[in-house]
Amino acid sequence: MPVLALDTSGAVAVALTDDAGAVLAARSDDQQRHHAELLAPMIAAVLAEAGIDRRDLSAVVVGTGPAPFTGLRVGLVSARTLALALGVPALGVPSLDAIAAATSRDLEAGADVVVATDARRREVYWGTYRVVGAGSVEVVLPPQVGAAADVVVPAGATVVGRGALLYPDLGAGSVDEHLLDPDPAELARLAIERRAQGLDLPTVPLYLRRPDAVPSAASKRVLG
């Protein structure tokens, strides 16, 4: 049964896979502030390309960040709404996990991977992983946010992600363009694997900090 996976933690990306994780169709667009306009047409496009009716989907997988509030919310709300309408589960996977899993395919077991993505405000979202096998990683340090100078990079670690491209001082060297943003196909594979292990996959967003836009403080009452 096909699985739809999407991520809006940075670029807008959508993939349709079979239940073994093989890609049937995929789309991505790196426009950072047009998630709402791009996502629905991209979902329709991958379904049409693969010749799959949305009613045949078995699950909807979504990257849970960390990411800025607005873009991430678009993906999470879309995934939850579609899953609810179709009566299938919505499965959440941290977006950094997908980049780490993709990186692990070119590394040996035991290697360390630091994933850093753009958090704006001259900061990065980052986390540290250890390679278990090709496509499989374990979390060493969970996702957090801070200045690039505060990122802890273990000796010999591979540093990837769009944040590594923006801040060369992280020591990434040449960053593979395919490892800048989460691949939704990797999200789908991780979700399928973790669900088979009986793990909980909540679609709880990893914002890590308050949104830029907050309600104004209520006016003080004037006593007469």
C-alpha atoms as a PDB file:
ATOM      1  CA  MET A   1       0.000   0.000   0.000  1.00  0.00           C
ATOM      2  CA  PRO A   2       1.406   3.434  -0.904  1.00  0.00           C
ATOM      3  CA  VAL A   3       2.633   5.905   1.707  1.00  0.00           C
ATOM      4  CA  LEU A   4       2.619   9.678   1.241  1.00  0.00           C
ATOM      5  CA  ALA A   5       5.437  11.574   2.965  1.00  0.00           C
ATOM      6  CA  LEU A   6       5.983  15.315   3.148  1.00  0.00           C
ATOM      7  CA  ASP A   7       8.284  17.795   4.830  1.00  0.00           C
ATOM      8  CA  THR A   8       8.071  21.580   5.132  1.00  0.00           C
ATOM      9  CA  SER A   9      10.867  22.160   7.633  1.00  0.00           C
ATOM     10  CA  GLY A  10      12.902  23.954   4.968  1.00  0.00           C
ATOM     11  CA  ALA A  11      12.203  23.250   1.334  1.00  0.00           C
ATOM     12  CA  VAL A  12       8.785  21.901   0.419  1.00  0.00           C
ATOM     13  CA  ALA A  13       9.179  18.213  -0.438  1.00  0.00           C
ATOM     14  CA  VAL A  14       6.743  15.384  -1.120  1.00  0.00           C
ATOM     15  CA  ALA A  15       7.323  11.722  -1.934  1.00  0.00           C
ATOM     16  CA  LEU A  16       5.102   8.752  -2.599  1.00  0.00           C
ATOM     17  CA  THR A  17       6.576   5.346  -1.715  1.00  0.00           C
ATOM     18  CA  ASP A  18       5.413   1.773  -1.558  1.00  0.00           C
ATOM     19  CA  ASP A  19       5.205   0.028   1.817  1.00  0.00           C
ATOM     20  CA  ALA A  20       8.850  -1.062   1.469  1.00  0.00           C
ATOM     21  CA  GLY A  21      10.033   2.527   1.059  1.00  0.00           C
ATOM     22  CA  ALA A  22      10.716   2.429  -2.694  1.00  0.00           C
ATOM     23  CA  VAL A  23      10.019   5.799  -4.320  1.00  0.00           C
ATOM     24  CA  LEU A  24       7.088   5.919  -6.750  1.00  0.00           C
ATOM     25  CA  ALA A  25       7.121   9.691  -7.352  1.00  0.00           C
ATOM     26  CA  ALA A  26       8.657  12.767  -5.735  1.00  0.00           C
ATOM     27  CA  ARG A  27       8.643  16.566  -5.949  1.00  0.00           C
ATOM     28  CA  SER A  28      10.556  19.324  -4.155  1.00  0.00           C
ATOM     29  CA  ASP A  29      10.861  23.099  -4.275  1.00  0.00           C
ATOM     30  CA  ASP A  30      13.382  25.074  -2.218  1.00  0.00           C
ATOM     31  CA  GLN A  31      11.304  28.271  -1.978  1.00  0.00           C
ATOM     32  CA  GLN A  32      11.386  28.955   1.752  1.00  0.00           C
ATOM     33  CA  ARG A  33       8.273  31.096   2.227  1.00  0.00           C
ATOM     34  CA  HIS A  34       5.667  29.550  -0.080  1.00  0.00           C
ATOM     35  CA  HIS A  35       4.828  26.318   1.712  1.00  0.00           C
ATOM     36  CA  ALA A  36       1.065  26.892   1.723  1.00  0.00           C
ATOM     37  CA  GLU A  37       0.911  27.627  -2.017  1.00  0.00           C
ATOM     38  CA  LEU A  38       3.204  24.796  -3.084  1.00  0.00           C
ATOM     39  CA  LEU A  39       2.293  21.817  -0.927  1.00  0.00           C
ATOM     40  CA  ALA A  40      -1.214  20.872  -2.129  1.00  0.00           C
ATOM     41  CA  PRO A  41      -0.333  21.008  -5.869  1.00  0.00           C
ATOM     42  CA  MET A  42       2.789  18.929  -5.211  1.00  0.00           C
ATOM     43  CA  ILE A  43       0.776  16.260  -3.394  1.00  0.00           C
ATOM     44  CA  ALA A  44      -1.641  16.130  -6.326  1.00  0.00           C
ATOM     45  CA  ALA A  45       1.271  15.901  -8.767  1.00  0.00           C
ATOM     46  CA  VAL A  46       2.983  12.916  -7.130  1.00  0.00           C
ATOM     47  CA  LEU A  47      -0.297  11.025  -6.855  1.00  0.00           C
ATOM     48  CA  ALA A  48      -1.060  11.704 -10.528  1.00  0.00           C
ATOM     49  CA  GLU A  49       2.441  10.716 -11.661  1.00  0.00           C
ATOM     50  CA  ALA A  50       2.246   7.400  -9.814  1.00  0.00           C
ATOM     51  CA  GLY A  51      -1.358   6.800 -10.869  1.00  0.00           C
ATOM     52  CA  ILE A  52      -2.422   6.456  -7.222  1.00  0.00           C
ATOM     53  CA  ASP A  53      -5.782   7.555  -5.847  1.00  0.00           C
ATOM     54  CA  ARG A  54      -5.403   9.249  -2.466  1.00  0.00           C
ATOM     55  CA  ARG A  55      -8.012   6.819  -1.091  1.00  0.00           C
ATOM     56  CA  ASP A  56      -5.456   4.041  -1.617  1.00  0.00           C
ATOM     57  CA  LEU A  57      -2.907   5.585   0.765  1.00  0.00           C
ATOM     58  CA  SER A  58      -2.084   3.514   3.840  1.00  0.00           C
ATOM     59  CA  ALA A  59      -0.447   6.317   5.865  1.00  0.00           C
ATOM     60  CA  VAL A  60       0.689   9.925   5.713  1.00  0.00           C
ATOM     61  CA  VAL A  61       4.171  10.632   7.071  1.00  0.00           C
ATOM     62  CA  VAL A  62       5.313  14.127   8.011  1.00  0.00           C
ATOM     63  CA  GLY A  63       8.558  15.696   9.164  1.00  0.00           C
ATOM     64  CA  THR A  64       8.094  17.212  12.622  1.00  0.00           C
ATOM     65  CA  GLY A  65      11.034  19.617  12.451  1.00  0.00           C
ATOM     66  CA  PRO A  66      12.673  21.362  14.154  1.00  0.00           C
ATOM     67  CA  ALA A  67      11.857  24.323  11.938  1.00  0.00           C
ATOM     68  CA  PRO A  68      10.403  27.837  12.016  1.00  0.00           C
ATOM     69  CA  PHE A  69       6.779  27.933  13.104  1.00  0.00           C
ATOM     70  CA  THR A  70       4.882  28.910   9.952  1.00  0.00           C
ATOM     71  CA  GLY A  71       6.412  26.549   7.412  1.00  0.00           C
ATOM     72  CA  LEU A  72       6.379  23.550   9.736  1.00  0.00           C
ATOM     73  CA  ARG A  73       2.743  24.154  10.681  1.00  0.00           C
ATOM     74  CA  VAL A  74       1.680  23.961   7.016  1.00  0.00           C
ATOM     75  CA  GLY A  75       3.071  20.452   6.651  1.00  0.00           C
ATOM     76  CA  LEU A  76       1.766  19.155   9.971  1.00  0.00           C
ATOM     77  CA  VAL A  77      -1.757  20.495   9.498  1.00  0.00           C
ATOM     78  CA  SER A  78      -1.901  19.189   5.913  1.00  0.00           C
ATOM     79  CA  ALA A  79      -0.725  15.720   6.943  1.00  0.00           C
ATOM     80  CA  ARG A  80      -3.126  15.471   9.874  1.00  0.00           C
ATOM     81  CA  THR A  81      -6.077  16.736   7.853  1.00  0.00           C
ATOM     82  CA  LEU A  82      -5.454  14.384   4.948  1.00  0.00           C
ATOM     83  CA  ALA A  83      -4.916  11.384   7.226  1.00  0.00           C
ATOM     84  CA  LEU A  84      -8.102  12.162   9.152  1.00  0.00           C
ATOM     85  CA  ALA A  85     -10.128  12.526   5.955  1.00  0.00           C
ATOM     86  CA  LEU A  86      -8.837   9.211   4.612  1.00  0.00           C
ATOM     87  CA  GLY A  87      -9.033   7.321   7.907  1.00  0.00           C
ATOM     88  CA  VAL A  88      -5.322   6.412   7.876  1.00  0.00           C
ATOM     89  CA  PRO A  89      -2.599   7.112  10.452  1.00  0.00           C
ATOM     90  CA  ALA A  90      -0.507  10.276  10.424  1.00  0.00           C
ATOM     91  CA  LEU A  91       3.050   9.365  11.408  1.00  0.00           C
ATOM     92  CA  GLY A  92       5.627  11.915  12.554  1.00  0.00           C
ATOM     93  CA  VAL A  93       9.410  11.641  12.219  1.00  0.00           C
ATOM     94  CA  PRO A  94      11.921  14.369  13.196  1.00  0.00           C
ATOM     95  CA  SER A  95      13.168  16.026  10.016  1.00  0.00           C
ATOM     96  CA  LEU A  96      16.826  15.928  11.099  1.00  0.00           C
ATOM     97  CA  ASP A  97      16.561  12.138  11.388  1.00  0.00           C
ATOM     98  CA  ALA A  98      15.911  11.907   7.644  1.00  0.00           C
ATOM     99  CA  ILE A  99      19.078  13.863   6.776  1.00  0.00           C
ATOM    100  CA  ALA A 100      21.122  11.742   9.183  1.00  0.00           C
ATOM    101  CA  ALA A 101      19.678   8.521   7.750  1.00  0.00           C
ATOM    102  CA  ALA A 102      20.494   9.588   4.190  1.00  0.00           C
ATOM    103  CA  THR A 103      24.044  10.499   5.240  1.00  0.00           C
ATOM    104  CA  SER A 104      24.546   7.159   6.960  1.00  0.00           C
ATOM    105  CA  ARG A 105      24.329   5.310   3.656  1.00  0.00           C
ATOM    106  CA  ASP A 106      27.842   6.478   2.764  1.00  0.00           C
ATOM    107  CA  LEU A 107      29.394   5.916   6.197  1.00  0.00           C
ATOM    108  CA  GLU A 108      30.507   2.968   8.313  1.00  0.00           C
ATOM    109  CA  ALA A 109      28.746   1.855  11.471  1.00  0.00           C
ATOM    110  CA  GLY A 110      29.891   3.839  14.488  1.00  0.00           C
ATOM    111  CA  ALA A 111      30.536   7.063  12.561  1.00  0.00           C
ATOM    112  CA  ASP A 112      29.159  10.295  14.005  1.00  0.00           C
ATOM    113  CA  VAL A 113      26.939  12.661  12.022  1.00  0.00           C
ATOM    114  CA  VAL A 114      26.039  16.224  12.972  1.00  0.00           C
ATOM    115  CA  VAL A 115      22.995  17.613  11.150  1.00  0.00           C
ATOM    116  CA  ALA A 116      22.594  21.405  11.117  1.00  0.00           C
ATOM    117  CA  THR A 117      19.743  23.214   9.370  1.00  0.00           C
ATOM    118  CA  ASP A 118      18.917  26.899   9.022  1.00  0.00           C
ATOM    119  CA  ALA A 119      17.050  28.317  12.035  1.00  0.00           C
ATOM    120  CA  ARG A 120      17.369  31.942  10.851  1.00  0.00           C
ATOM    121  CA  ARG A 121      18.410  34.649  13.353  1.00  0.00           C
ATOM    122  CA  ARG A 122      22.003  33.493  12.661  1.00  0.00           C
ATOM    123  CA  GLU A 123      21.238  30.215  14.416  1.00  0.00           C
ATOM    124  CA  VAL A 124      20.954  26.551  13.450  1.00  0.00           C
ATOM    125  CA  TYR A 125      18.820  23.621  14.473  1.00  0.00           C
ATOM    126  CA  TRP A 126      21.191  20.760  15.108  1.00  0.00           C
ATOM    127  CA  GLY A 127      21.512  17.256  16.489  1.00  0.00           C
ATOM    128  CA  THR A 128      24.122  14.514  16.660  1.00  0.00           C
ATOM    129  CA  TYR A 129      23.648  10.948  15.457  1.00  0.00           C
ATOM    130  CA  ARG A 130      25.650   7.718  15.339  1.00  0.00           C
ATOM    131  CA  VAL A 131      25.450   5.386  12.363  1.00  0.00           C
ATOM    132  CA  VAL A 132      24.062   1.937  13.152  1.00  0.00           C
ATOM    133  CA  GLY A 133      23.937   0.754   9.552  1.00  0.00           C
ATOM    134  CA  ALA A 134      23.037   1.962   6.076  1.00  0.00           C
ATOM    135  CA  GLY A 135      19.928   4.105   6.529  1.00  0.00           C
ATOM    136  CA  SER A 136      19.840   3.528  10.286  1.00  0.00           C
ATOM    137  CA  VAL A 137      21.017   5.947  12.993  1.00  0.00           C
ATOM    138  CA  GLU A 138      20.664   6.459  16.731  1.00  0.00           C
ATOM    139  CA  VAL A 139      20.321   9.819  18.447  1.00  0.00           C
ATOM    140  CA  VAL A 140      23.337  10.964  20.475  1.00  0.00           C
ATOM    141  CA  LEU A 141      22.191  14.549  21.106  1.00  0.00           C
ATOM    142  CA  PRO A 142      18.528  15.377  20.358  1.00  0.00           C
ATOM    143  CA  PRO A 143      17.582  18.382  18.195  1.00  0.00           C
ATOM    144  CA  GLN A 144      18.289  21.792  19.702  1.00  0.00           C
ATOM    145  CA  VAL A 145      18.700  25.382  18.529  1.00  0.00           C
ATOM    146  CA  GLY A 146      21.564  27.823  18.985  1.00  0.00           C
ATOM    147  CA  ALA A 147      24.381  29.758  17.399  1.00  0.00           C
ATOM    148  CA  ALA A 148      26.564  27.840  14.964  1.00  0.00           C
ATOM    149  CA  ALA A 149      29.554  28.563  17.210  1.00  0.00           C
ATOM    150  CA  ASP A 150      27.868  26.586  20.005  1.00  0.00           C
ATOM    151  CA  VAL A 151      27.403  23.391  17.992  1.00  0.00           C
ATOM    152  CA  VAL A 152      29.421  20.519  19.449  1.00  0.00           C
ATOM    153  CA  VAL A 153      31.112  18.596  16.629  1.00  0.00           C
ATOM    154  CA  PRO A 154      32.800  15.341  17.724  1.00  0.00           C
ATOM    155  CA  ALA A 155      36.226  14.635  16.265  1.00  0.00           C
ATOM    156  CA  GLY A 156      35.905  12.998  12.854  1.00  0.00           C
ATOM    157  CA  ALA A 157      32.166  13.643  12.584  1.00  0.00           C
ATOM    158  CA  THR A 158      30.501  14.294   9.240  1.00  0.00           C
ATOM    159  CA  VAL A 159      28.591  17.599   9.266  1.00  0.00           C
ATOM    160  CA  VAL A 160      25.666  17.979   6.859  1.00  0.00           C
ATOM    161  CA  GLY A 161      22.546  20.070   6.288  1.00  0.00           C
ATOM    162  CA  ARG A 162      21.769  23.540   4.985  1.00  0.00           C
ATOM    163  CA  GLY A 163      23.129  25.057   8.188  1.00  0.00           C
ATOM    164  CA  ALA A 164      26.514  23.490   7.467  1.00  0.00           C
ATOM    165  CA  LEU A 165      26.459  25.165   4.063  1.00  0.00           C
ATOM    166  CA  LEU A 166      25.605  28.548   5.582  1.00  0.00           C
ATOM    167  CA  TYR A 167      28.208  28.339   8.353  1.00  0.00           C
ATOM    168  CA  PRO A 168      31.495  26.865   7.061  1.00  0.00           C
ATOM    169  CA  ASP A 169      33.038  27.255  10.525  1.00  0.00           C
ATOM    170  CA  LEU A 170      31.153  24.089  11.470  1.00  0.00           C
ATOM    171  CA  GLY A 171      33.880  22.277   9.561  1.00  0.00           C
ATOM    172  CA  ALA A 172      31.667  20.540   7.062  1.00  0.00           C
ATOM    173  CA  GLY A 173      33.895  21.167   4.053  1.00  0.00           C
ATOM    174  CA  SER A 174      32.019  20.472   0.818  1.00  0.00           C
ATOM    175  CA  VAL A 175      28.375  19.685   1.639  1.00  0.00           C
ATOM    176  CA  ASP A 176      26.512  17.262  -0.642  1.00  0.00           C
ATOM    177  CA  GLU A 177      23.542  19.142  -2.176  1.00  0.00           C
ATOM    178  CA  HIS A 178      21.394  16.048  -1.635  1.00  0.00           C
ATOM    179  CA  LEU A 179      21.990  16.289   2.122  1.00  0.00           C
ATOM    180  CA  LEU A 180      20.873  19.892   2.628  1.00  0.00           C
ATOM    181  CA  ASP A 181      17.184  19.265   3.359  1.00  0.00           C
ATOM    182  CA  PRO A 182      15.151  16.262   4.549  1.00  0.00           C
ATOM    183  CA  ASP A 183      14.211  13.731   1.881  1.00  0.00           C
ATOM    184  CA  PRO A 184      10.572  12.737   2.486  1.00  0.00           C
ATOM    185  CA  ALA A 185      11.326   9.283   1.079  1.00  0.00           C
ATOM    186  CA  GLU A 186      13.752   8.801   3.980  1.00  0.00           C
ATOM    187  CA  LEU A 187      11.017   9.969   6.344  1.00  0.00           C
ATOM    188  CA  ALA A 188       8.718   7.314   4.881  1.00  0.00           C
ATOM    189  CA  ARG A 189      11.334   4.569   5.270  1.00  0.00           C
ATOM    190  CA  LEU A 190      12.044   5.557   8.869  1.00  0.00           C
ATOM    191  CA  ALA A 191       8.320   5.704   9.686  1.00  0.00           C
ATOM    192  CA  ILE A 192       7.702   2.266   8.151  1.00  0.00           C
ATOM    193  CA  GLU A 193      10.648   0.787  10.069  1.00  0.00           C
ATOM    194  CA  ARG A 194       9.776   2.404  13.398  1.00  0.00           C
ATOM    195  CA  ARG A 195       6.102   1.545  13.114  1.00  0.00           C
ATOM    196  CA  ALA A 196       7.051  -2.100  12.534  1.00  0.00           C
ATOM    197  CA  GLN A 197       9.058  -1.907  15.766  1.00  0.00           C
ATOM    198  CA  GLY A 198       5.965  -0.726  17.604  1.00  0.00           C
ATOM    199  CA  LEU A 199       7.338   2.751  18.296  1.00  0.00           C
ATOM    200  CA  ASP A 200       5.067   5.737  18.856  1.00  0.00           C
ATOM    201  CA  LEU A 201       5.290   8.290  16.000  1.00  0.00           C
ATOM    202  CA  PRO A 202       3.488  11.441  17.179  1.00  0.00           C
ATOM    203  CA  THR A 203       3.028  14.422  14.892  1.00  0.00           C
ATOM    204  CA  VAL A 204       4.057  16.830  17.647  1.00  0.00           C
ATOM    205  CA  PRO A 205       6.013  19.775  16.189  1.00  0.00           C
ATOM    206  CA  LEU A 206       9.580  20.471  17.280  1.00  0.00           C
ATOM    207  CA  TYR A 207       9.543  24.261  17.333  1.00  0.00           C
ATOM    208  CA  LEU A 208      12.257  24.611  20.048  1.00  0.00           C
ATOM    209  CA  ARG A 209      11.528  28.313  20.398  1.00  0.00           C
ATOM    210  CA  ARG A 210       8.561  30.672  20.397  1.00  0.00           C
ATOM    211  CA  PRO A 211       7.142  31.910  17.059  1.00  0.00           C
ATOM    212  CA  ASP A 212       8.215  35.323  15.795  1.00  0.00           C
ATOM    213  CA  ALA A 213       4.635  36.622  15.873  1.00  0.00           C
ATOM    214  CA  VAL A 214       3.027  36.666  19.326  1.00  0.00           C
ATOM    215  CA  PRO A 215      -0.187  38.304  20.583  1.00  0.00           C
ATOM    216  CA  SER A 216       0.252  41.777  22.005  1.00  0.00           C
ATOM    217  CA  ALA A 217      -0.107  42.212  25.726  1.00  0.00           C
ATOM    218  CA  ALA A 218      -3.620  43.031  26.887  1.00  0.00           C
ATOM    219  CA  SER A 219      -4.251  46.662  27.734  1.00  0.00           C
ATOM    220  CA  LYS A 220      -4.328  47.459  31.431  1.00  0.00           C
ATOM    221  CA  ARG A 221      -7.724  48.233  32.919  1.00  0.00           C
ATOM    222  CA  VAL A 222      -8.238  51.812  33.976  1.00  0.00           C
ATOM    223  CA  LEU A 223     -10.000  52.101  37.307  1.00  0.00           C
ATOM    224  CA  GLY A 224     -12.404  55.029  37.736  1.00  0.00           C
END
